[in-house]
Amino acid sequence: MASILVLFGTGEGQTAKVAARIDGVLTDRGHDVSTVDVESRPAELDVEGFDAILVGSSIHLGKHHEAIRAFVAENSEVLNARVSGFFQVSLSSAVDDPERHAEAAQYVDEFLEGAGWHPDRIGLFGGALRYSKYGFLKRLMLKRIAKDATGDVDTSRDYEYTDWDEVDAFSADFAGFVENRIGDRE
């Protein structure tokens, strides 16, 4: 059993849902999991006290969650010294379009390269359109983006694009990797 921190940054809540699903898979495998929203993390959270760390971020307008960027910058040494993983939730990963998938991968590459972090596992998941949570300008802007990406422009409802089987598979893969690495140390 490993102690695992799942730290996430979310905009409208989809990354929190993904983090909760990952928590469930890791917990079912017998791990001691602490799932924490980066914006409400306690000051006394000791990231060095975990065997493994999994960080998740939403993408909005090509940028990762600001508090996640700050966390990774502050803790890149610890992240590189532990078993670690990163997952990203974005609209670019939601559609069956190689150009959009390449765009999502580029967001990850630029983020990790800039932070100097080399996670052991990386997951890219489709996000959601939460029209009900957007202000007028953001709703208008995302409607224009969605028109080309998904075609889902009915702003009277929300849309979820996360492939939960994909999240489960990533979680199981990360758990297996942690188990192998932690087992090697014992």
N, C-alpha and C. Protein backbone atom coordinates (compact mmCIF):
# COMPACT_ATOMS: atom_id res chain seq x y z
N MET A 1 0.84 -1.19 0.00
CA MET A 1 0.00 0.00 0.00
C MET A 1 0.88 1.24 0.00
N ALA A 2 0.57 2.18 -0.85
CA ALA A 2 1.32 3.43 -0.94
C ALA A 2 0.45 4.60 -0.51
N SER A 3 1.10 5.64 -0.03
CA SER A 3 0.38 6.89 0.23
C SER A 3 0.50 7.74 -1.02
N ILE A 4 -0.64 8.15 -1.55
CA ILE A 4 -0.68 8.86 -2.82
C ILE A 4 -1.44 10.16 -2.65
N LEU A 5 -0.83 11.24 -3.11
CA LEU A 5 -1.48 12.54 -3.17
C LEU A 5 -2.02 12.75 -4.57
N VAL A 6 -3.31 13.03 -4.68
CA VAL A 6 -3.92 13.43 -5.95
C VAL A 6 -4.30 14.90 -5.75
N LEU A 7 -3.54 15.77 -6.37
CA LEU A 7 -3.74 17.22 -6.24
C LEU A 7 -4.25 17.74 -7.58
N PHE A 8 -5.32 18.50 -7.55
CA PHE A 8 -5.92 18.95 -8.81
C PHE A 8 -6.31 20.42 -8.75
N GLY A 9 -6.37 21.02 -9.93
CA GLY A 9 -6.89 22.37 -10.10
C GLY A 9 -8.00 22.32 -11.13
N THR A 10 -9.14 22.90 -10.80
CA THR A 10 -10.30 22.79 -11.67
C THR A 10 -10.92 24.16 -11.90
N GLY A 11 -11.57 24.31 -13.03
CA GLY A 11 -12.27 25.56 -13.33
C GLY A 11 -13.73 25.46 -12.96
N GLU A 12 -14.45 24.58 -13.65
CA GLU A 12 -15.88 24.42 -13.40
C GLU A 12 -16.23 23.08 -12.77
N GLY A 13 -15.24 22.27 -12.42
CA GLY A 13 -15.52 21.05 -11.68
C GLY A 13 -15.24 19.73 -12.37
N GLN A 14 -14.96 19.72 -13.68
CA GLN A 14 -14.74 18.44 -14.35
C GLN A 14 -13.44 17.79 -13.90
N THR A 15 -12.41 18.56 -13.68
CA THR A 15 -11.15 17.99 -13.21
C THR A 15 -11.33 17.43 -11.80
N ALA A 16 -12.17 18.04 -11.00
CA ALA A 16 -12.47 17.50 -9.67
C ALA A 16 -13.18 16.15 -9.80
N LYS A 17 -14.09 16.02 -10.76
CA LYS A 17 -14.77 14.75 -10.98
C LYS A 17 -13.79 13.67 -11.41
N VAL A 18 -12.86 14.04 -12.29
CA VAL A 18 -11.85 13.09 -12.74
C VAL A 18 -10.96 12.67 -11.56
N ALA A 19 -10.54 13.64 -10.75
CA ALA A 19 -9.71 13.33 -9.58
C ALA A 19 -10.44 12.40 -8.62
N ALA A 20 -11.73 12.62 -8.42
CA ALA A 20 -12.51 11.75 -7.53
C ALA A 20 -12.59 10.33 -8.09
N ARG A 21 -12.72 10.21 -9.39
CA ARG A 21 -12.77 8.88 -10.01
C ARG A 21 -11.42 8.17 -9.85
N ILE A 22 -10.33 8.90 -10.05
CA ILE A 22 -9.00 8.34 -9.87
C ILE A 22 -8.81 7.90 -8.42
N ASP A 23 -9.24 8.74 -7.48
CA ASP A 23 -9.18 8.40 -6.06
C ASP A 23 -9.87 7.07 -5.81
N GLY A 24 -11.05 6.89 -6.38
CA GLY A 24 -11.79 5.65 -6.18
C GLY A 24 -11.04 4.42 -6.66
N VAL A 25 -10.43 4.51 -7.83
CA VAL A 25 -9.68 3.39 -8.38
C VAL A 25 -8.46 3.08 -7.50
N LEU A 26 -7.74 4.12 -7.11
CA LEU A 26 -6.54 3.92 -6.28
C LEU A 26 -6.91 3.36 -4.90
N THR A 27 -7.99 3.89 -4.33
CA THR A 27 -8.45 3.41 -3.02
C THR A 27 -8.89 1.95 -3.11
N ASP A 28 -9.61 1.59 -4.18
CA ASP A 28 -10.06 0.21 -4.36
C ASP A 28 -8.89 -0.76 -4.46
N ARG A 29 -7.73 -0.25 -4.88
CA ARG A 29 -6.53 -1.10 -4.97
C ARG A 29 -5.76 -1.12 -3.66
N GLY A 30 -6.30 -0.48 -2.61
CA GLY A 30 -5.71 -0.57 -1.29
C GLY A 30 -4.76 0.55 -0.91
N HIS A 31 -4.69 1.59 -1.71
CA HIS A 31 -3.78 2.69 -1.41
C HIS A 31 -4.43 3.72 -0.49
N ASP A 32 -3.59 4.42 0.24
CA ASP A 32 -4.03 5.51 1.12
C ASP A 32 -3.97 6.79 0.30
N VAL A 33 -5.12 7.28 -0.14
CA VAL A 33 -5.18 8.39 -1.08
C VAL A 33 -5.70 9.65 -0.41
N SER A 34 -5.00 10.75 -0.65
CA SER A 34 -5.46 12.08 -0.22
C SER A 34 -5.71 12.88 -1.48
N THR A 35 -6.96 13.22 -1.74
CA THR A 35 -7.32 14.00 -2.92
C THR A 35 -7.62 15.42 -2.47
N VAL A 36 -6.89 16.38 -3.05
CA VAL A 36 -6.91 17.76 -2.56
C VAL A 36 -7.05 18.74 -3.72
N ASP A 37 -7.98 19.67 -3.58
CA ASP A 37 -8.10 20.80 -4.51
C ASP A 37 -6.96 21.77 -4.20
N VAL A 38 -6.17 22.10 -5.20
CA VAL A 38 -4.99 22.95 -4.98
C VAL A 38 -5.37 24.28 -4.34
N GLU A 39 -6.56 24.77 -4.62
CA GLU A 39 -6.96 26.07 -4.08
C GLU A 39 -7.38 26.02 -2.62
N SER A 40 -7.65 24.83 -2.11
CA SER A 40 -8.04 24.72 -0.71
C SER A 40 -7.09 23.83 0.08
N ARG A 41 -5.91 23.60 -0.48
CA ARG A 41 -4.96 22.73 0.22
C ARG A 41 -4.47 23.40 1.50
N PRO A 42 -4.34 22.61 2.54
CA PRO A 42 -3.85 23.17 3.80
C PRO A 42 -2.37 23.57 3.68
N ALA A 43 -2.01 24.63 4.37
CA ALA A 43 -0.63 25.11 4.33
C ALA A 43 0.33 24.05 4.84
N GLU A 44 -0.14 23.21 5.75
CA GLU A 44 0.74 22.20 6.33
C GLU A 44 0.83 20.91 5.50
N LEU A 45 0.24 20.90 4.29
CA LEU A 45 0.32 19.72 3.44
C LEU A 45 1.78 19.45 3.09
N ASP A 46 2.29 18.30 3.51
CA ASP A 46 3.69 17.93 3.29
C ASP A 46 3.77 17.00 2.09
N VAL A 47 4.07 17.54 0.93
CA VAL A 47 4.11 16.72 -0.28
C VAL A 47 5.23 15.69 -0.21
N GLU A 48 6.25 15.95 0.58
CA GLU A 48 7.35 14.99 0.71
C GLU A 48 6.94 13.76 1.51
N GLY A 49 5.81 13.84 2.18
CA GLY A 49 5.34 12.72 2.98
C GLY A 49 4.60 11.65 2.20
N PHE A 50 4.45 11.82 0.90
CA PHE A 50 3.73 10.86 0.07
C PHE A 50 4.70 10.02 -0.75
N ASP A 51 4.31 8.77 -0.97
CA ASP A 51 5.12 7.89 -1.82
C ASP A 51 4.99 8.27 -3.29
N ALA A 52 3.82 8.75 -3.67
CA ALA A 52 3.55 9.08 -5.07
C ALA A 52 2.65 10.31 -5.12
N ILE A 53 2.79 11.07 -6.20
CA ILE A 53 2.01 12.29 -6.36
C ILE A 53 1.46 12.32 -7.79
N LEU A 54 0.17 12.55 -7.88
CA LEU A 54 -0.51 12.68 -9.16
C LEU A 54 -1.15 14.06 -9.20
N VAL A 55 -0.79 14.85 -10.20
CA VAL A 55 -1.26 16.22 -10.32
C VAL A 55 -2.17 16.32 -11.55
N GLY A 56 -3.30 17.00 -11.38
CA GLY A 56 -4.24 17.18 -12.49
C GLY A 56 -4.61 18.63 -12.67
N SER A 57 -4.78 19.02 -13.93
CA SER A 57 -5.13 20.41 -14.23
C SER A 57 -6.11 20.49 -15.38
N SER A 58 -6.99 21.44 -15.26
CA SER A 58 -7.85 21.79 -16.39
C SER A 58 -7.07 22.73 -17.30
N ILE A 59 -7.53 22.84 -18.52
CA ILE A 59 -6.98 23.78 -19.50
C ILE A 59 -8.09 24.75 -19.87
N HIS A 60 -7.78 26.02 -19.82
CA HIS A 60 -8.71 27.04 -20.28
C HIS A 60 -7.94 28.02 -21.14
N LEU A 61 -8.38 28.13 -22.38
CA LEU A 61 -7.75 29.04 -23.34
C LEU A 61 -6.26 28.79 -23.44
N GLY A 62 -5.90 27.51 -23.45
CA GLY A 62 -4.51 27.13 -23.65
C GLY A 62 -3.63 27.22 -22.42
N LYS A 63 -4.19 27.50 -21.29
CA LYS A 63 -3.40 27.66 -20.05
C LYS A 63 -3.85 26.67 -19.00
N HIS A 64 -2.87 26.11 -18.29
CA HIS A 64 -3.18 25.26 -17.15
C HIS A 64 -3.60 26.13 -15.98
N HIS A 65 -4.26 25.50 -15.03
CA HIS A 65 -4.73 26.18 -13.83
C HIS A 65 -3.56 26.89 -13.16
N GLU A 66 -3.74 28.17 -12.86
CA GLU A 66 -2.67 29.01 -12.32
C GLU A 66 -2.06 28.43 -11.04
N ALA A 67 -2.89 27.96 -10.12
CA ALA A 67 -2.37 27.43 -8.86
C ALA A 67 -1.61 26.12 -9.07
N ILE A 68 -1.99 25.35 -10.07
CA ILE A 68 -1.24 24.12 -10.40
C ILE A 68 0.12 24.49 -10.97
N ARG A 69 0.15 25.49 -11.84
CA ARG A 69 1.44 25.93 -12.39
C ARG A 69 2.37 26.36 -11.25
N ALA A 70 1.84 27.10 -10.29
CA ALA A 70 2.65 27.56 -9.16
C ALA A 70 3.10 26.38 -8.30
N PHE A 71 2.19 25.44 -8.03
CA PHE A 71 2.53 24.26 -7.22
C PHE A 71 3.66 23.47 -7.86
N VAL A 72 3.54 23.20 -9.16
CA VAL A 72 4.56 22.41 -9.85
C VAL A 72 5.89 23.16 -9.87
N ALA A 73 5.86 24.45 -10.09
CA ALA A 73 7.11 25.24 -10.07
C ALA A 73 7.78 25.17 -8.70
N GLU A 74 6.99 25.26 -7.64
CA GLU A 74 7.52 25.23 -6.28
C GLU A 74 7.99 23.85 -5.85
N ASN A 75 7.43 22.81 -6.45
CA ASN A 75 7.68 21.44 -5.97
C ASN A 75 8.28 20.51 -7.02
N SER A 76 8.87 21.05 -8.08
CA SER A 76 9.37 20.19 -9.15
C SER A 76 10.44 19.22 -8.66
N GLU A 77 11.25 19.64 -7.71
CA GLU A 77 12.29 18.74 -7.18
C GLU A 77 11.66 17.53 -6.49
N VAL A 78 10.66 17.77 -5.67
CA VAL A 78 9.96 16.69 -4.98
C VAL A 78 9.23 15.81 -6.00
N LEU A 79 8.57 16.42 -6.96
CA LEU A 79 7.84 15.66 -7.98
C LEU A 79 8.77 14.75 -8.77
N ASN A 80 9.96 15.25 -9.09
CA ASN A 80 10.92 14.43 -9.84
C ASN A 80 11.54 13.34 -8.99
N ALA A 81 11.53 13.50 -7.67
CA ALA A 81 12.12 12.51 -6.78
C ALA A 81 11.14 11.40 -6.39
N ARG A 82 9.86 11.60 -6.65
CA ARG A 82 8.82 10.63 -6.29
C ARG A 82 8.27 9.98 -7.56
N VAL A 83 7.56 8.89 -7.36
CA VAL A 83 6.73 8.37 -8.44
C VAL A 83 5.67 9.44 -8.67
N SER A 84 5.51 9.87 -9.91
CA SER A 84 4.57 10.96 -10.15
C SER A 84 3.87 10.80 -11.49
N GLY A 85 2.75 11.49 -11.57
CA GLY A 85 1.99 11.49 -12.80
C GLY A 85 1.27 12.81 -12.96
N PHE A 86 0.83 13.06 -14.19
CA PHE A 86 0.12 14.29 -14.51
C PHE A 86 -1.06 13.93 -15.39
N PHE A 87 -2.20 14.55 -15.11
CA PHE A 87 -3.33 14.40 -16.03
C PHE A 87 -3.92 15.78 -16.34
N GLN A 88 -4.38 15.89 -17.57
CA GLN A 88 -4.92 17.15 -18.08
C GLN A 88 -6.33 16.91 -18.59
N VAL A 89 -7.21 17.85 -18.31
CA VAL A 89 -8.60 17.77 -18.75
C VAL A 89 -8.87 18.96 -19.67
N SER A 90 -9.25 18.67 -20.92
CA SER A 90 -9.42 19.77 -21.87
C SER A 90 -10.44 19.41 -22.95
N LEU A 91 -10.94 20.42 -23.59
CA LEU A 91 -11.83 20.22 -24.72
C LEU A 91 -11.07 19.66 -25.92
N SER A 92 -9.78 20.00 -26.03
CA SER A 92 -8.98 19.49 -27.15
C SER A 92 -8.87 17.98 -27.15
N SER A 93 -8.93 17.37 -25.98
CA SER A 93 -8.87 15.90 -25.89
C SER A 93 -10.24 15.25 -26.05
N ALA A 94 -11.26 16.06 -26.18
CA ALA A 94 -12.63 15.54 -26.21
C ALA A 94 -13.09 15.11 -27.59
N VAL A 95 -12.43 15.57 -28.60
CA VAL A 95 -12.90 15.33 -29.96
C VAL A 95 -11.98 14.36 -30.70
N ASP A 96 -12.52 13.71 -31.70
CA ASP A 96 -11.74 12.76 -32.50
C ASP A 96 -11.11 13.51 -33.67
N ASP A 97 -10.11 14.30 -33.34
CA ASP A 97 -9.43 15.14 -34.33
C ASP A 97 -7.94 15.14 -34.01
N PRO A 98 -7.12 14.58 -34.87
CA PRO A 98 -5.68 14.50 -34.61
C PRO A 98 -5.03 15.86 -34.34
N GLU A 99 -5.49 16.90 -35.00
CA GLU A 99 -4.92 18.23 -34.76
C GLU A 99 -5.22 18.71 -33.34
N ARG A 100 -6.42 18.50 -32.88
CA ARG A 100 -6.78 18.90 -31.51
C ARG A 100 -6.05 18.05 -30.48
N HIS A 101 -5.86 16.76 -30.77
CA HIS A 101 -5.11 15.91 -29.85
C HIS A 101 -3.65 16.36 -29.78
N ALA A 102 -3.10 16.75 -30.92
CA ALA A 102 -1.73 17.27 -30.93
C ALA A 102 -1.65 18.57 -30.14
N GLU A 103 -2.68 19.39 -30.24
CA GLU A 103 -2.74 20.63 -29.48
C GLU A 103 -2.74 20.33 -27.97
N ALA A 104 -3.53 19.36 -27.56
CA ALA A 104 -3.59 18.98 -26.14
C ALA A 104 -2.23 18.46 -25.67
N ALA A 105 -1.59 17.64 -26.48
CA ALA A 105 -0.27 17.12 -26.13
C ALA A 105 0.76 18.24 -26.05
N GLN A 106 0.64 19.22 -26.93
CA GLN A 106 1.56 20.37 -26.91
C GLN A 106 1.41 21.17 -25.62
N TYR A 107 0.17 21.32 -25.13
CA TYR A 107 -0.04 22.01 -23.85
C TYR A 107 0.74 21.31 -22.74
N VAL A 108 0.66 19.99 -22.72
CA VAL A 108 1.37 19.21 -21.70
C VAL A 108 2.87 19.37 -21.86
N ASP A 109 3.36 19.18 -23.08
CA ASP A 109 4.81 19.27 -23.32
C ASP A 109 5.38 20.61 -22.88
N GLU A 110 4.72 21.69 -23.26
CA GLU A 110 5.20 23.02 -22.90
C GLU A 110 5.16 23.24 -21.39
N PHE A 111 4.09 22.77 -20.75
CA PHE A 111 3.95 22.92 -19.31
C PHE A 111 5.06 22.17 -18.57
N LEU A 112 5.24 20.91 -18.91
CA LEU A 112 6.23 20.09 -18.21
C LEU A 112 7.65 20.55 -18.49
N GLU A 113 7.92 20.91 -19.74
CA GLU A 113 9.25 21.40 -20.08
C GLU A 113 9.56 22.69 -19.32
N GLY A 114 8.61 23.60 -19.27
CA GLY A 114 8.81 24.85 -18.55
C GLY A 114 9.01 24.65 -17.07
N ALA A 115 8.38 23.61 -16.52
CA ALA A 115 8.47 23.34 -15.08
C ALA A 115 9.68 22.47 -14.74
N GLY A 116 10.27 21.83 -15.74
CA GLY A 116 11.39 20.93 -15.46
C GLY A 116 10.94 19.66 -14.74
N TRP A 117 9.73 19.24 -14.99
CA TRP A 117 9.17 18.05 -14.34
C TRP A 117 9.01 16.94 -15.36
N HIS A 118 9.34 15.72 -14.94
CA HIS A 118 9.28 14.55 -15.82
C HIS A 118 8.43 13.46 -15.16
N PRO A 119 7.10 13.59 -15.22
CA PRO A 119 6.24 12.59 -14.58
C PRO A 119 6.38 11.22 -15.25
N ASP A 120 6.12 10.19 -14.45
CA ASP A 120 6.21 8.81 -14.95
C ASP A 120 5.03 8.44 -15.83
N ARG A 121 3.88 9.01 -15.57
CA ARG A 121 2.68 8.72 -16.33
C ARG A 121 1.95 10.02 -16.64
N ILE A 122 1.36 10.08 -17.85
CA ILE A 122 0.61 11.26 -18.28
C ILE A 122 -0.72 10.80 -18.89
N GLY A 123 -1.80 11.46 -18.49
CA GLY A 123 -3.11 11.17 -19.04
C GLY A 123 -3.76 12.43 -19.57
N LEU A 124 -4.39 12.33 -20.72
CA LEU A 124 -5.11 13.44 -21.33
C LEU A 124 -6.56 13.03 -21.50
N PHE A 125 -7.46 13.78 -20.89
CA PHE A 125 -8.87 13.42 -20.89
C PHE A 125 -9.73 14.55 -21.44
N GLY A 126 -10.80 14.15 -22.07
CA GLY A 126 -11.79 15.12 -22.52
C GLY A 126 -12.46 15.76 -21.32
N GLY A 127 -12.79 17.01 -21.46
CA GLY A 127 -13.39 17.75 -20.36
C GLY A 127 -14.88 17.90 -20.51
N ALA A 128 -15.34 19.10 -20.30
CA ALA A 128 -16.77 19.37 -20.36
C ALA A 128 -16.98 20.82 -20.77
N LEU A 129 -18.14 21.09 -21.30
CA LEU A 129 -18.59 22.45 -21.52
C LEU A 129 -19.65 22.71 -20.47
N ARG A 130 -19.38 23.63 -19.60
CA ARG A 130 -20.31 23.97 -18.50
C ARG A 130 -20.92 25.33 -18.78
N TYR A 131 -21.70 25.39 -19.85
CA TYR A 131 -22.33 26.65 -20.22
C TYR A 131 -23.07 27.29 -19.04
N SER A 132 -23.66 26.44 -18.19
CA SER A 132 -24.44 26.96 -17.06
C SER A 132 -23.57 27.69 -16.03
N LYS A 133 -22.27 27.48 -16.08
CA LYS A 133 -21.38 28.11 -15.10
C LYS A 133 -20.60 29.29 -15.68
N TYR A 134 -20.74 29.54 -16.97
CA TYR A 134 -19.98 30.60 -17.62
C TYR A 134 -20.73 31.93 -17.58
N GLY A 135 -19.97 32.98 -17.48
CA GLY A 135 -20.54 34.31 -17.67
C GLY A 135 -20.81 34.53 -19.14
N PHE A 136 -21.44 35.64 -19.46
CA PHE A 136 -21.85 35.92 -20.83
C PHE A 136 -20.69 35.85 -21.82
N LEU A 137 -19.59 36.53 -21.54
CA LEU A 137 -18.47 36.57 -22.49
C LEU A 137 -17.81 35.21 -22.66
N LYS A 138 -17.59 34.52 -21.55
CA LYS A 138 -16.97 33.20 -21.64
C LYS A 138 -17.89 32.23 -22.39
N ARG A 139 -19.19 32.30 -22.13
CA ARG A 139 -20.15 31.43 -22.83
C ARG A 139 -20.08 31.69 -24.33
N LEU A 140 -20.04 32.95 -24.73
CA LEU A 140 -19.97 33.32 -26.13
C LEU A 140 -18.68 32.80 -26.78
N MET A 141 -17.56 33.00 -26.08
CA MET A 141 -16.27 32.57 -26.59
C MET A 141 -16.21 31.04 -26.73
N LEU A 142 -16.68 30.32 -25.70
CA LEU A 142 -16.64 28.86 -25.76
C LEU A 142 -17.64 28.29 -26.75
N LYS A 143 -18.72 29.00 -26.98
CA LYS A 143 -19.67 28.57 -28.00
C LYS A 143 -18.99 28.62 -29.37
N ARG A 144 -18.21 29.65 -29.61
CA ARG A 144 -17.48 29.77 -30.89
C ARG A 144 -16.44 28.66 -31.03
N ILE A 145 -15.74 28.37 -29.93
CA ILE A 145 -14.74 27.29 -29.95
C ILE A 145 -15.43 25.95 -30.17
N ALA A 146 -16.53 25.73 -29.45
CA ALA A 146 -17.25 24.46 -29.54
C ALA A 146 -17.85 24.24 -30.92
N LYS A 147 -18.22 25.31 -31.59
CA LYS A 147 -18.81 25.17 -32.93
C LYS A 147 -17.88 24.38 -33.84
N ASP A 148 -16.60 24.69 -33.80
CA ASP A 148 -15.63 23.98 -34.63
C ASP A 148 -15.20 22.65 -34.02
N ALA A 149 -15.12 22.59 -32.69
CA ALA A 149 -14.59 21.41 -32.02
C ALA A 149 -15.61 20.28 -31.90
N THR A 150 -16.77 20.58 -31.34
CA THR A 150 -17.74 19.52 -31.03
C THR A 150 -19.09 19.73 -31.70
N GLY A 151 -19.38 20.97 -32.06
CA GLY A 151 -20.70 21.29 -32.61
C GLY A 151 -21.75 21.51 -31.55
N ASP A 152 -21.37 21.37 -30.29
CA ASP A 152 -22.32 21.51 -29.18
C ASP A 152 -22.45 22.98 -28.78
N VAL A 153 -23.40 23.67 -29.40
CA VAL A 153 -23.54 25.11 -29.18
C VAL A 153 -24.85 25.49 -28.50
N ASP A 154 -25.62 24.51 -28.08
CA ASP A 154 -26.85 24.79 -27.33
C ASP A 154 -26.45 25.18 -25.91
N THR A 155 -26.47 26.47 -25.62
CA THR A 155 -26.00 26.96 -24.33
C THR A 155 -27.02 26.77 -23.21
N SER A 156 -28.14 26.16 -23.50
CA SER A 156 -29.14 25.91 -22.46
C SER A 156 -28.82 24.63 -21.67
N ARG A 157 -27.76 23.94 -22.06
CA ARG A 157 -27.37 22.71 -21.36
C ARG A 157 -25.86 22.59 -21.30
N ASP A 158 -25.40 21.69 -20.45
CA ASP A 158 -23.97 21.40 -20.32
C ASP A 158 -23.65 20.10 -21.06
N TYR A 159 -22.36 19.91 -21.39
CA TYR A 159 -21.91 18.73 -22.11
C TYR A 159 -20.70 18.15 -21.39
N GLU A 160 -20.67 16.82 -21.27
CA GLU A 160 -19.52 16.15 -20.65
C GLU A 160 -18.91 15.21 -21.68
N TYR A 161 -17.58 15.30 -21.84
CA TYR A 161 -16.88 14.51 -22.85
C TYR A 161 -15.87 13.53 -22.27
N THR A 162 -15.80 13.42 -20.98
CA THR A 162 -14.81 12.56 -20.34
C THR A 162 -15.14 11.09 -20.62
N ASP A 163 -14.14 10.36 -21.09
CA ASP A 163 -14.25 8.92 -21.30
C ASP A 163 -13.84 8.25 -19.99
N TRP A 164 -14.82 7.82 -19.21
CA TRP A 164 -14.55 7.30 -17.87
C TRP A 164 -13.78 5.99 -17.91
N ASP A 165 -13.95 5.20 -18.96
CA ASP A 165 -13.15 3.98 -19.09
C ASP A 165 -11.67 4.33 -19.26
N GLU A 166 -11.42 5.39 -19.99
CA GLU A 166 -10.05 5.87 -20.18
C GLU A 166 -9.45 6.35 -18.85
N VAL A 167 -10.24 7.04 -18.05
CA VAL A 167 -9.79 7.50 -16.74
C VAL A 167 -9.48 6.30 -15.85
N ASP A 168 -10.36 5.29 -15.87
CA ASP A 168 -10.14 4.09 -15.07
C ASP A 168 -8.86 3.36 -15.50
N ALA A 169 -8.65 3.26 -16.81
CA ALA A 169 -7.45 2.58 -17.32
C ALA A 169 -6.18 3.33 -16.91
N PHE A 170 -6.20 4.64 -17.03
CA PHE A 170 -5.05 5.45 -16.61
C PHE A 170 -4.79 5.26 -15.12
N SER A 171 -5.85 5.28 -14.32
CA SER A 171 -5.72 5.13 -12.87
C SER A 171 -5.13 3.78 -12.51
N ALA A 172 -5.60 2.73 -13.16
CA ALA A 172 -5.08 1.39 -12.90
C ALA A 172 -3.62 1.28 -13.33
N ASP A 173 -3.28 1.89 -14.46
CA ASP A 173 -1.89 1.89 -14.92
C ASP A 173 -0.99 2.63 -13.93
N PHE A 174 -1.45 3.80 -13.46
CA PHE A 174 -0.66 4.55 -12.48
C PHE A 174 -0.50 3.74 -11.20
N ALA A 175 -1.59 3.11 -10.74
CA ALA A 175 -1.53 2.29 -9.52
C ALA A 175 -0.54 1.15 -9.69
N GLY A 176 -0.59 0.47 -10.82
CA GLY A 176 0.35 -0.62 -11.07
C GLY A 176 1.79 -0.15 -11.08
N PHE A 177 2.02 1.00 -11.70
CA PHE A 177 3.37 1.56 -11.73
C PHE A 177 3.85 1.88 -10.32
N VAL A 178 2.98 2.51 -9.53
CA VAL A 178 3.32 2.82 -8.14
C VAL A 178 3.63 1.54 -7.38
N GLU A 179 2.79 0.55 -7.53
CA GLU A 179 2.98 -0.71 -6.81
C GLU A 179 4.32 -1.36 -7.17
N ASN A 180 4.67 -1.35 -8.44
CA ASN A 180 5.96 -1.90 -8.87
C ASN A 180 7.13 -1.11 -8.31
N ARG A 181 7.04 0.20 -8.37
CA ARG A 181 8.15 1.06 -7.89
C ARG A 181 8.28 1.01 -6.38
N ILE A 182 7.17 1.07 -5.66
CA ILE A 182 7.20 1.05 -4.20
C ILE A 182 7.64 -0.35 -3.75
N GLY A 183 7.17 -1.38 -4.44
CA GLY A 183 7.57 -2.74 -4.12
C GLY A 183 9.05 -2.95 -4.31
N ASP A 184 9.64 -2.28 -5.33
CA ASP A 184 11.08 -2.38 -5.57
C ASP A 184 11.89 -1.79 -4.42
N ARG A 185 11.33 -0.79 -3.73
CA ARG A 185 12.06 -0.14 -2.63
C ARG A 185 12.00 -0.95 -1.35
N GLU A 186 10.99 -1.81 -1.24
CA GLU A 186 10.80 -2.54 0.02
C GLU A 186 11.67 -3.78 0.08
